[in-house]
C-alpha atoms as a PDB file:
ATOM      1  CA  UNK A   1       0.000   0.000   0.000  1.00  0.00           C
ATOM      2  CA  UNK A   2       2.840   2.408   0.796  1.00  0.00           C
ATOM      3  CA  UNK A   3       4.462   1.821  -2.587  1.00  0.00           C
ATOM      4  CA  UNK A   4       1.152   2.488  -4.346  1.00  0.00           C
ATOM      5  CA  UNK A   5       0.642   5.686  -2.306  1.00  0.00           C
ATOM      6  CA  UNK A   6       4.147   6.890  -3.223  1.00  0.00           C
ATOM      7  CA  UNK A   7       3.452   6.224  -6.911  1.00  0.00           C
ATOM      8  CA  UNK A   8       0.154   8.117  -6.794  1.00  0.00           C
ATOM      9  CA  UNK A   9       1.817  10.996  -4.940  1.00  0.00           C
ATOM     10  CA  UNK A  10       4.653  11.176  -7.473  1.00  0.00           C
ATOM     11  CA  UNK A  11       2.188  11.095 -10.381  1.00  0.00           C
ATOM     12  CA  UNK A  12       0.065  13.817  -8.799  1.00  0.00           C
ATOM     13  CA  UNK A  13       3.151  15.973  -8.162  1.00  0.00           C
ATOM     14  CA  UNK A  14       4.264  15.571 -11.770  1.00  0.00           C
ATOM     15  CA  UNK A  15       0.825  16.589 -13.043  1.00  0.00           C
ATOM     16  CA  UNK A  16       0.801  19.685 -10.851  1.00  0.00           C
ATOM     17  CA  UNK A  17       4.285  20.709 -11.962  1.00  0.00           C
ATOM     18  CA  UNK A  18       3.475  20.117 -15.613  1.00  0.00           C
ATOM     19  CA  UNK A  19       0.381  22.273 -15.228  1.00  0.00           C
ATOM     20  CA  UNK A  20       2.014  25.089 -13.250  1.00  0.00           C
ATOM     21  CA  UNK A  21       5.345  25.495 -15.036  1.00  0.00           C
ATOM     22  CA  UNK A  22       3.919  26.418 -18.480  1.00  0.00           C
ATOM     23  CA  UNK A  23       1.554  28.893 -16.827  1.00  0.00           C
ATOM     24  CA  UNK A  24       4.451  30.513 -14.983  1.00  0.00           C
ATOM     25  CA  UNK A  25       6.467  30.718 -18.172  1.00  0.00           C
ATOM     26  CA  UNK A  26       3.562  32.372 -19.982  1.00  0.00           C
ATOM     27  CA  UNK A  27       3.197  34.976 -17.225  1.00  0.00           C
ATOM     28  CA  UNK A  28       6.811  36.053 -17.461  1.00  0.00           C
ATOM     29  CA  UNK A  29       6.193  36.984 -21.107  1.00  0.00           C
ATOM     30  CA  UNK A  30       8.468  36.598 -24.082  1.00  0.00           C
ATOM     31  CA  UNK A  31      12.083  37.521 -23.729  1.00  0.00           C
ATOM     32  CA  UNK A  32      12.911  40.550 -25.837  1.00  0.00           C
ATOM     33  CA  UNK A  33      16.092  42.381 -26.620  1.00  0.00           C
ATOM     34  CA  UNK A  34      17.081  45.545 -24.809  1.00  0.00           C
ATOM     35  CA  UNK A  35      15.910  47.579 -27.725  1.00  0.00           C
ATOM     36  CA  UNK A  36      12.841  49.593 -26.805  1.00  0.00           C
ATOM     37  CA  UNK A  37      10.500  51.200 -29.240  1.00  0.00           C
ATOM     38  CA  UNK A  38       8.085  54.004 -28.562  1.00  0.00           C
ATOM     39  CA  UNK A  39       4.908  55.037 -30.327  1.00  0.00           C
ATOM     40  CA  UNK A  40       5.568  57.509 -33.133  1.00  0.00           C
ATOM     41  CA  UNK A  41       4.095  60.357 -31.086  1.00  0.00           C
ATOM     42  CA  UNK A  42       6.596  59.723 -28.273  1.00  0.00           C
ATOM     43  CA  UNK A  43       9.710  59.634 -30.436  1.00  0.00           C
ATOM     44  CA  UNK A  44      12.374  62.202 -29.623  1.00  0.00           C
ATOM     45  CA  UNK A  45      13.519  64.200 -32.647  1.00  0.00           C
ATOM     46  CA  UNK A  46      17.311  64.369 -32.522  1.00  0.00           C
ATOM     47  CA  UNK A  47      17.270  67.400 -34.823  1.00  0.00           C
ATOM     48  CA  UNK A  48      15.161  69.580 -32.543  1.00  0.00           C
ATOM     49  CA  UNK A  49      15.188  68.114 -29.018  1.00  0.00           C
ATOM     50  CA  UNK A  50      16.563  70.164 -26.159  1.00  0.00           C
ATOM     51  CA  UNK A  51      19.492  68.939 -24.103  1.00  0.00           C
ATOM     52  CA  UNK A  52      17.116  67.944 -21.291  1.00  0.00           C
ATOM     53  CA  UNK A  53      14.889  65.995 -23.699  1.00  0.00           C
ATOM     54  CA  UNK A  54      17.922  64.128 -25.031  1.00  0.00           C
ATOM     55  CA  UNK A  55      19.125  63.388 -21.496  1.00  0.00           C
ATOM     56  CA  UNK A  56      15.755  61.757 -20.786  1.00  0.00           C
ATOM     57  CA  UNK A  57      16.752  58.959 -23.189  1.00  0.00           C
ATOM     58  CA  UNK A  58      18.249  56.051 -21.198  1.00  0.00           C
ATOM     59  CA  UNK A  59      22.035  56.031 -21.576  1.00  0.00           C
ATOM     60  CA  UNK A  60      22.275  59.605 -22.863  1.00  0.00           C
ATOM     61  CA  UNK A  61      23.894  61.995 -20.413  1.00  0.00           C
ATOM     62  CA  UNK A  62      25.334  65.492 -20.652  1.00  0.00           C
ATOM     63  CA  UNK A  63      28.227  64.508 -22.926  1.00  0.00           C
ATOM     64  CA  UNK A  64      26.218  62.515 -25.483  1.00  0.00           C
ATOM     65  CA  UNK A  65      23.393  65.068 -25.473  1.00  0.00           C
ATOM     66  CA  UNK A  66      25.883  67.847 -26.247  1.00  0.00           C
ATOM     67  CA  UNK A  67      27.533  65.760 -28.988  1.00  0.00           C
ATOM     68  CA  UNK A  68      24.116  65.079 -30.571  1.00  0.00           C
ATOM     69  CA  UNK A  69      23.290  68.798 -30.557  1.00  0.00           C
ATOM     70  CA  UNK A  70      26.703  69.746 -31.958  1.00  0.00           C
ATOM     71  CA  UNK A  71      26.367  67.258 -34.831  1.00  0.00           C
ATOM     72  CA  UNK A  72      23.032  68.578 -36.124  1.00  0.00           C
ATOM     73  CA  UNK A  73      21.369  68.356 -38.578  1.00  0.00           C
ATOM     74  CA  UNK A  74      21.022  64.632 -39.187  1.00  0.00           C
ATOM     75  CA  UNK A  75      19.579  63.262 -42.423  1.00  0.00           C
ATOM     76  CA  UNK A  76      18.557  60.125 -40.537  1.00  0.00           C
ATOM     77  CA  UNK A  77      18.985  58.716 -37.071  1.00  0.00           C
ATOM     78  CA  UNK A  78      21.624  56.169 -38.127  1.00  0.00           C
ATOM     79  CA  UNK A  79      24.054  59.052 -38.535  1.00  0.00           C
ATOM     80  CA  UNK A  80      24.409  59.097 -34.744  1.00  0.00           C
ATOM     81  CA  UNK A  81      26.277  55.828 -35.169  1.00  0.00           C
ATOM     82  CA  UNK A  82      27.983  56.399 -38.516  1.00  0.00           C
ATOM     83  CA  UNK A  83      29.339  59.811 -37.452  1.00  0.00           C
ATOM     84  CA  UNK A  84      30.540  58.272 -34.152  1.00  0.00           C
ATOM     85  CA  UNK A  85      28.366  60.597 -32.078  1.00  0.00           C
ATOM     86  CA  UNK A  86      27.316  57.675 -29.850  1.00  0.00           C
ATOM     87  CA  UNK A  87      28.572  54.078 -29.634  1.00  0.00           C
ATOM     88  CA  UNK A  88      26.813  51.375 -31.645  1.00  0.00           C
ATOM     89  CA  UNK A  89      25.670  49.530 -28.515  1.00  0.00           C
ATOM     90  CA  UNK A  90      23.892  52.631 -27.220  1.00  0.00           C
ATOM     91  CA  UNK A  91      22.386  53.297 -30.642  1.00  0.00           C
ATOM     92  CA  UNK A  92      20.981  49.758 -30.693  1.00  0.00           C
ATOM     93  CA  UNK A  93      19.272  50.377 -27.362  1.00  0.00           C
ATOM     94  CA  UNK A  94      17.740  53.760 -28.218  1.00  0.00           C
ATOM     95  CA  UNK A  95      17.048  53.576 -31.954  1.00  0.00           C
ATOM     96  CA  UNK A  96      13.385  52.767 -31.323  1.00  0.00           C
ATOM     97  CA  UNK A  97      12.988  55.908 -29.195  1.00  0.00           C
ATOM     98  CA  UNK A  98      14.381  58.502 -31.600  1.00  0.00           C
ATOM     99  CA  UNK A  99      13.689  59.988 -35.008  1.00  0.00           C
ATOM    100  CA  UNK A 100      15.409  62.520 -37.255  1.00  0.00           C
ATOM    101  CA  UNK A 101      12.665  64.718 -38.679  1.00  0.00           C
ATOM    102  CA  UNK A 102      13.566  66.949 -41.599  1.00  0.00           C
ATOM    103  CA  UNK A 103      12.375  70.549 -41.875  1.00  0.00           C
ATOM    104  CA  UNK A 104       9.652  71.180 -44.421  1.00  0.00           C
ATOM    105  CA  UNK A 105      11.008  72.197 -47.813  1.00  0.00           C
ATOM    106  CA  UNK A 106       9.986  75.682 -48.961  1.00  0.00           C
ATOM    107  CA  UNK A 107       7.597  75.759 -51.915  1.00  0.00           C
END
């Protein structure tokens, strides 16, 4: 009887674990990269943002904000990386948060 009880207990424990573990994995959500993207209305324009607005971007401090301002205008946001304004790793993290809007062309 004890052996049968142990078998039933082990089977019941396995069923509980198999039912709980997938649910816990689903709650933690999918693993994503560090790259964060923002809705288009929340993007920071690197061609017109103030120093304080640039500093609000994670990883951008006084030095990088000043370098971004000094390097204006940008034809596109990738120029932050290609012109060595910020390191590639930082660009990868913030590229979804920024945009490089162009001024309207005169008619």
